Amino acid sequence: MRIRRIRNLFIILLYITIAFVVTFYVLSLKYPHASAFSYETCRATYDMTDDLFETLNGEVPEGAANIASASEVTHNAPPGKASHIPVLMYHYVVPEKYNVEPNNARINLEAFEEGIKYLHDEGYHTATLKELERYVNGEIQLPEKTVVLTFDDGYQNNVVYAYPVLKKYGFHASIFIVGTKLKDHKQKFVPTAKTTISRKEMKATRDVFEYHSHTYNLHYKRLVQCAEYYAAGKDSTRFTHDIDIMKAKTGINTPYFAYPYGEYDPKMVYDLKMNGYRMAFTVRPGYVHPGDDPMYLPRMNVTSTTTVKHLLNLPDVPEPPVKSK
């Protein structure tokens, strides 16, 4: 009888302990800044999740064995062929007289055209993202003077100001659109306003621009992990649903993606792969090489003061692949 009482007491204490641990764990995720220990518990949870999806992302997909290492291809590029490719990043293009909020996401139209003219005069080829994907996978080689031009967000000034300049020089570029910013009808263009591209403008400019996803409605900061602000795309409860909405409502269903604010984690990468995405871009500066992980490609931000000529002539120091952020 006494042994039974002790056993029952032990079971009750075990249940109380388990309930306490579970309650503490849940509260740590909900209120991570309640204590240092709560925060560390929360961070450890996300770290374990990252490790799990890093392992899943590391599984070799079919055909990946044919991808050469970056170092091998970089040192063996034939004469006249690219050992590395710069991917240039733009956002907002506006004439200097209308640039009322100068920052690193805005470039004066004058500086933009000067940079594009430099590329033209130097004989650069502007590659499509499909060409870049095949280059990264070691399937093709590209001319030594090759560059990829990208624009983020989908501002109307991209088609009003950048499009004519690119068309003038026979260049190709990509725009990563935020789905909610794609308008059903063309807006009245005001140089100082942050108006965005319409479906009609998107259709009319496809001879220069290709269009890809920058999420449908996750391009903003919110409390995501352990009560800290990150790009909303890192909220895994919303991300896969956002992918579906982007494809359904905008008709943009390509395998190329740009991370909002350049922020990503292994779960995002896993979800992208599971939904057919094969290549994604960060805002980490650097060149793209054959054999680089196509889900973590770097880009170089072009501003009014950081010239294209300067960016193209930076030393090429390949970095190890970045696996999480």
Protein backbone atom coordinates (compact mmCIF):
# COMPACT_ATOMS: atom_id res chain seq x y z
CA MET A 1 0.00 0.00 0.00
CA ARG A 2 2.79 2.39 0.90
CA ILE A 3 4.66 1.55 -2.30
CA ARG A 4 1.52 2.33 -4.31
CA ARG A 5 1.18 5.72 -2.61
CA ILE A 6 4.83 6.53 -3.36
CA ARG A 7 4.39 5.44 -6.98
CA ASN A 8 1.24 7.59 -7.36
CA LEU A 9 2.99 10.54 -5.76
CA PHE A 10 5.91 10.10 -8.14
CA ILE A 11 3.55 10.02 -11.14
CA ILE A 12 1.77 13.17 -9.94
CA LEU A 13 5.09 14.97 -9.45
CA LEU A 14 6.21 13.81 -12.91
CA TYR A 15 3.04 15.22 -14.51
CA ILE A 16 3.46 18.49 -12.61
CA THR A 17 7.09 18.71 -13.76
CA ILE A 18 6.16 18.01 -17.40
CA ALA A 19 3.34 20.58 -17.23
CA PHE A 20 5.73 23.13 -15.75
CA VAL A 21 8.36 22.52 -18.44
CA VAL A 22 5.81 22.71 -21.26
CA THR A 23 4.24 25.87 -19.81
CA PHE A 24 7.64 27.47 -19.37
CA TYR A 25 8.61 26.51 -22.92
CA VAL A 26 5.42 27.96 -24.42
CA LEU A 27 5.76 31.14 -22.38
CA SER A 28 9.41 31.44 -23.42
CA LEU A 29 8.35 31.46 -27.08
CA LYS A 30 5.57 33.98 -26.41
CA TYR A 31 7.48 36.20 -23.97
CA PRO A 32 11.18 35.62 -24.76
CA HIS A 33 12.33 38.82 -23.08
CA ALA A 34 10.76 37.96 -19.74
CA SER A 35 14.17 36.69 -18.65
CA ALA A 36 17.57 35.87 -20.08
CA PHE A 37 16.80 32.17 -19.72
CA SER A 38 13.48 32.57 -21.58
CA TYR A 39 15.26 34.29 -24.44
CA GLU A 40 17.95 31.61 -24.64
CA THR A 41 15.25 28.91 -24.66
CA CYS A 42 13.48 30.67 -27.52
CA ARG A 43 16.69 31.14 -29.51
CA ALA A 44 17.68 27.52 -28.98
CA THR A 45 14.32 26.42 -30.40
CA TYR A 46 14.81 28.43 -33.58
CA ASP A 47 18.42 27.27 -33.85
CA MET A 48 17.30 23.64 -33.72
CA THR A 49 14.71 24.34 -36.40
CA ASP A 50 17.37 26.01 -38.56
CA ASP A 51 19.66 23.01 -38.13
CA LEU A 52 16.88 20.65 -39.15
CA PHE A 53 16.09 22.55 -42.34
CA GLU A 54 19.77 23.07 -43.09
CA THR A 55 20.04 19.28 -43.16
CA LEU A 56 17.00 18.98 -45.43
CA ASN A 57 18.33 21.71 -47.74
CA GLY A 58 21.67 19.96 -47.88
CA GLU A 59 20.24 16.86 -49.49
CA VAL A 60 21.58 16.62 -53.05
CA PRO A 61 18.75 17.16 -55.57
CA GLU A 62 18.56 15.15 -58.76
CA GLY A 63 21.19 16.36 -61.22
CA ALA A 64 23.11 18.41 -58.65
CA ALA A 65 26.11 16.11 -58.91
CA ASN A 66 26.87 17.76 -62.25
CA ILE A 67 27.42 21.16 -60.62
CA ALA A 68 31.12 21.96 -60.45
CA SER A 69 32.63 23.64 -57.42
CA ALA A 70 33.03 27.41 -57.61
CA SER A 71 36.77 27.29 -57.09
CA GLU A 72 37.30 24.67 -59.80
CA VAL A 73 35.40 26.58 -62.48
CA THR A 74 36.65 30.00 -61.40
CA HIS A 75 40.27 29.04 -62.03
CA ASN A 76 39.58 27.23 -65.28
CA ALA A 77 37.38 29.66 -67.20
CA PRO A 78 38.55 29.68 -70.85
CA PRO A 79 39.84 32.96 -72.31
CA GLY A 80 36.97 35.30 -73.07
CA LYS A 81 34.59 33.49 -70.71
CA ALA A 82 33.30 34.71 -67.33
CA SER A 83 34.93 33.37 -64.19
CA HIS A 84 32.39 35.38 -62.15
CA ILE A 85 29.32 37.52 -62.84
CA PRO A 86 28.11 40.63 -61.01
CA VAL A 87 24.39 40.88 -60.30
CA LEU A 88 23.54 44.56 -59.94
CA MET A 89 20.63 45.67 -57.77
CA TYR A 90 18.47 48.77 -58.20
CA HIS A 91 15.26 49.91 -56.55
CA TYR A 92 14.03 53.44 -57.20
CA VAL A 93 15.13 55.48 -60.25
CA VAL A 94 14.32 59.21 -60.40
CA PRO A 95 15.87 62.37 -61.90
CA GLU A 96 18.15 64.15 -59.46
CA LYS A 97 15.87 67.18 -59.25
CA TYR A 98 13.07 64.96 -57.93
CA ASN A 99 15.22 62.90 -55.58
CA VAL A 100 13.84 64.47 -52.41
CA GLU A 101 14.77 61.52 -50.17
CA PRO A 102 18.31 60.48 -51.16
CA ASN A 103 19.25 57.06 -49.76
CA ASN A 104 20.89 53.81 -50.81
CA ALA A 105 17.67 52.50 -52.35
CA ARG A 106 17.37 55.46 -54.75
CA ILE A 107 19.53 56.30 -57.73
CA ASN A 108 19.46 59.47 -59.79
CA LEU A 109 18.35 58.84 -63.36
CA GLU A 110 21.46 60.62 -64.59
CA ALA A 111 23.73 58.28 -62.64
CA PHE A 112 21.67 55.28 -63.76
CA GLU A 113 22.01 56.14 -67.45
CA GLU A 114 25.71 56.85 -67.04
CA GLY A 115 26.18 53.36 -65.60
CA ILE A 116 24.13 51.67 -68.33
CA LYS A 117 26.03 53.60 -71.03
CA TYR A 118 29.29 52.41 -69.45
CA LEU A 119 28.12 48.80 -69.71
CA HIS A 120 27.16 49.32 -73.34
CA ASP A 121 30.39 51.09 -74.29
CA GLU A 122 32.44 48.36 -72.59
CA GLY A 123 30.61 45.64 -74.52
CA TYR A 124 28.75 43.94 -71.66
CA HIS A 125 26.12 41.25 -72.20
CA THR A 126 23.08 41.43 -69.90
CA ALA A 127 22.14 37.86 -69.04
CA THR A 128 18.64 36.58 -68.30
CA LEU A 129 18.03 34.76 -65.04
CA LYS A 130 17.67 31.53 -66.98
CA GLU A 131 21.14 32.07 -68.43
CA LEU A 132 22.50 32.86 -64.97
CA GLU A 133 20.92 29.71 -63.55
CA ARG A 134 22.51 27.55 -66.21
CA TYR A 135 25.84 29.34 -65.66
CA VAL A 136 25.70 28.69 -61.89
CA ASN A 137 24.84 25.04 -62.54
CA GLY A 138 27.86 24.67 -64.82
CA GLU A 139 25.71 23.96 -67.89
CA ILE A 140 26.89 26.91 -69.99
CA GLN A 141 29.63 29.50 -70.13
CA LEU A 142 28.96 33.19 -70.63
CA PRO A 143 31.06 35.98 -72.14
CA GLU A 144 33.70 37.42 -69.85
CA LYS A 145 31.87 40.74 -69.82
CA THR A 146 28.48 39.61 -68.55
CA VAL A 147 26.27 41.33 -66.00
CA VAL A 148 22.78 40.72 -64.58
CA LEU A 149 20.52 43.72 -63.90
CA THR A 150 17.82 43.45 -61.22
CA PHE A 151 15.25 45.84 -59.72
CA ASP A 152 13.35 45.25 -56.48
CA ASP A 153 9.79 46.14 -55.42
CA GLY A 154 8.19 47.20 -58.73
CA TYR A 155 8.16 51.00 -58.72
CA GLN A 156 6.48 52.73 -61.64
CA ASN A 157 9.59 54.81 -62.24
CA ASN A 158 11.33 51.61 -63.34
CA VAL A 159 9.15 51.52 -66.46
CA VAL A 160 8.95 55.30 -66.90
CA TYR A 161 12.66 56.09 -66.52
CA ALA A 162 14.74 52.88 -66.52
CA TYR A 163 12.89 51.05 -69.31
CA PRO A 164 13.64 53.61 -72.09
CA VAL A 165 17.33 53.70 -71.11
CA LEU A 166 17.65 49.92 -71.13
CA LYS A 167 15.74 49.64 -74.41
CA LYS A 168 17.96 52.32 -75.97
CA TYR A 169 21.05 50.22 -75.30
CA GLY A 170 19.44 46.86 -76.06
CA PHE A 171 19.71 45.58 -72.50
CA HIS A 172 17.72 43.05 -70.50
CA ALA A 173 16.75 43.23 -66.80
CA SER A 174 14.57 41.60 -64.14
CA ILE A 175 12.10 43.15 -61.71
CA PHE A 176 11.21 41.40 -58.45
CA ILE A 177 7.69 42.58 -57.68
CA VAL A 178 5.84 42.75 -54.38
CA GLY A 179 2.47 41.29 -55.38
CA THR A 180 0.28 43.72 -53.46
CA LYS A 181 1.99 46.61 -55.27
CA LEU A 182 0.99 45.35 -58.71
CA LYS A 183 -1.93 47.57 -59.78
CA ASP A 184 -4.86 46.50 -61.92
CA HIS A 185 -4.91 49.90 -63.61
CA LYS A 186 -2.14 52.29 -64.57
CA GLN A 187 -1.60 55.03 -62.01
CA LYS A 188 -1.01 58.67 -62.75
CA PHE A 189 2.75 59.02 -62.64
CA VAL A 190 4.17 61.62 -60.29
CA PRO A 191 8.01 61.64 -60.09
CA THR A 192 8.07 62.29 -56.35
CA ALA A 193 5.44 59.66 -55.48
CA LYS A 194 6.04 55.97 -54.79
CA THR A 195 3.60 54.71 -57.41
CA THR A 196 3.98 51.12 -58.58
CA ILE A 197 3.71 49.12 -61.80
CA SER A 198 0.38 48.07 -63.31
CA ARG A 199 -0.45 44.86 -65.16
CA LYS A 200 -0.67 46.82 -68.42
CA GLU A 201 2.79 48.32 -67.90
CA MET A 202 4.20 44.94 -66.97
CA LYS A 203 2.84 43.43 -70.19
CA ALA A 204 4.09 46.35 -72.32
CA THR A 205 7.67 46.17 -71.03
CA ARG A 206 8.39 42.46 -71.33
CA ASP A 207 10.73 43.11 -74.25
CA VAL A 208 13.17 44.48 -71.66
CA PHE A 209 11.98 43.25 -68.25
CA GLU A 210 11.22 39.80 -66.92
CA TYR A 211 9.14 39.71 -63.74
CA HIS A 212 9.64 37.56 -60.63
CA SER A 213 8.52 37.31 -56.99
CA HIS A 214 9.53 39.47 -54.05
CA THR A 215 6.64 37.91 -52.02
CA TYR A 216 3.00 38.87 -52.33
CA ASN A 217 2.57 40.69 -49.03
CA LEU A 218 5.56 39.95 -46.79
CA HIS A 219 7.80 42.89 -47.60
CA TYR A 220 7.74 44.56 -44.22
CA LYS A 221 9.27 44.09 -40.77
CA ARG A 222 7.39 42.46 -37.93
CA LEU A 223 7.99 40.60 -34.69
CA VAL A 224 8.88 37.12 -35.88
CA GLN A 225 11.51 35.24 -33.92
CA CYS A 226 11.85 35.66 -30.16
CA ALA A 227 10.07 39.05 -30.18
CA GLU A 228 12.63 40.53 -32.59
CA TYR A 229 11.95 42.37 -35.82
CA TYR A 230 12.69 40.53 -39.06
CA ALA A 231 11.33 40.55 -42.58
CA ALA A 232 7.83 39.07 -42.43
CA GLY A 233 8.89 36.37 -44.90
CA LYS A 234 10.65 34.63 -42.02
CA ASP A 235 7.24 33.92 -40.49
CA SER A 236 6.87 30.32 -41.62
CA THR A 237 3.16 30.29 -40.77
CA ARG A 238 2.55 32.86 -43.52
CA PHE A 239 5.25 32.19 -46.08
CA THR A 240 3.92 29.15 -47.96
CA HIS A 241 0.45 30.70 -48.15
CA ASP A 242 2.00 33.89 -49.52
CA ILE A 243 3.75 31.87 -52.24
CA ASP A 244 0.41 30.43 -53.36
CA ILE A 245 -1.30 33.83 -53.39
CA MET A 246 1.54 35.39 -55.37
CA LYS A 247 1.20 32.82 -58.11
CA ALA A 248 -2.61 32.92 -58.18
CA LYS A 249 -3.20 36.68 -58.03
CA THR A 250 -0.31 38.05 -60.11
CA GLY A 251 0.29 35.25 -62.58
CA ILE A 252 3.99 35.43 -61.71
CA ASN A 253 5.00 31.80 -61.43
CA THR A 254 8.71 31.60 -62.15
CA PRO A 255 11.48 29.70 -60.31
CA TYR A 256 13.31 32.90 -59.27
CA PHE A 257 12.91 34.88 -56.05
CA ALA A 258 14.43 37.82 -54.14
CA TYR A 259 14.37 37.79 -50.32
CA PRO A 260 12.73 40.91 -48.83
CA TYR A 261 15.43 42.98 -47.15
CA GLY A 262 17.78 40.15 -48.06
CA GLU A 263 16.67 38.23 -44.95
CA TYR A 264 16.19 34.47 -45.06
CA ASP A 265 16.51 31.32 -43.02
CA PRO A 266 16.74 27.59 -43.83
CA LYS A 267 12.97 27.10 -43.44
CA MET A 268 12.28 29.78 -46.07
CA VAL A 269 14.78 28.15 -48.43
CA TYR A 270 13.19 24.75 -47.87
CA ASP A 271 9.70 26.13 -48.58
CA LEU A 272 10.93 27.86 -51.73
CA LYS A 273 12.46 24.63 -53.02
CA MET A 274 9.32 22.65 -52.21
CA ASN A 275 7.33 25.18 -54.25
CA GLY A 276 9.47 24.99 -57.35
CA TYR A 277 11.92 27.84 -56.82
CA ARG A 278 15.42 27.11 -58.06
CA MET A 279 17.31 30.38 -57.56
CA ALA A 280 17.06 33.20 -55.01
CA PHE A 281 18.89 36.45 -54.35
CA THR A 282 20.18 38.09 -51.18
CA VAL A 283 21.59 41.58 -50.72
CA ARG A 284 24.97 40.25 -49.63
CA PRO A 285 27.61 41.93 -51.82
CA GLY A 286 29.82 39.81 -54.05
CA TYR A 287 30.05 38.07 -57.41
CA VAL A 288 28.23 34.96 -58.61
CA HIS A 289 30.38 31.95 -59.57
CA PRO A 290 29.69 28.60 -61.19
CA GLY A 291 28.93 26.15 -58.41
CA ASP A 292 27.54 28.71 -55.98
CA ASP A 293 24.46 27.65 -54.07
CA PRO A 294 21.69 29.08 -56.29
CA MET A 295 19.45 29.83 -53.29
CA TYR A 296 21.89 32.32 -51.74
CA LEU A 297 23.20 34.42 -54.62
CA PRO A 298 24.79 37.80 -53.82
CA ARG A 299 23.99 41.15 -55.43
CA MET A 300 25.69 44.55 -55.57
CA ASN A 301 23.64 47.63 -54.72
CA VAL A 302 24.11 50.49 -57.21
CA THR A 303 23.67 54.04 -55.89
CA SER A 304 24.22 57.52 -57.27
CA THR A 305 27.69 57.60 -55.70
CA THR A 306 28.73 53.95 -56.02
CA THR A 307 29.29 53.63 -59.75
CA VAL A 308 28.84 50.57 -61.92
CA LYS A 309 32.46 50.92 -63.03
CA HIS A 310 33.63 50.73 -59.41
CA LEU A 311 31.49 47.68 -58.60
CA LEU A 312 32.62 45.78 -61.69
CA ASN A 313 36.26 46.28 -60.82
CA LEU A 314 36.19 45.17 -57.20
CA PRO A 315 38.54 42.25 -56.44
CA ASP A 316 36.91 38.84 -56.70
CA VAL A 317 37.27 37.09 -53.38
CA PRO A 318 34.79 34.17 -53.31
CA GLU A 319 33.12 33.74 -49.94
CA PRO A 320 31.90 30.46 -48.43
CA PRO A 321 28.21 29.88 -49.13
CA VAL A 322 25.98 31.65 -46.60
CA LYS A 323 23.56 29.15 -45.17
CA SER A 324 21.39 31.21 -42.85
CA LYS A 325 20.70 34.67 -41.60
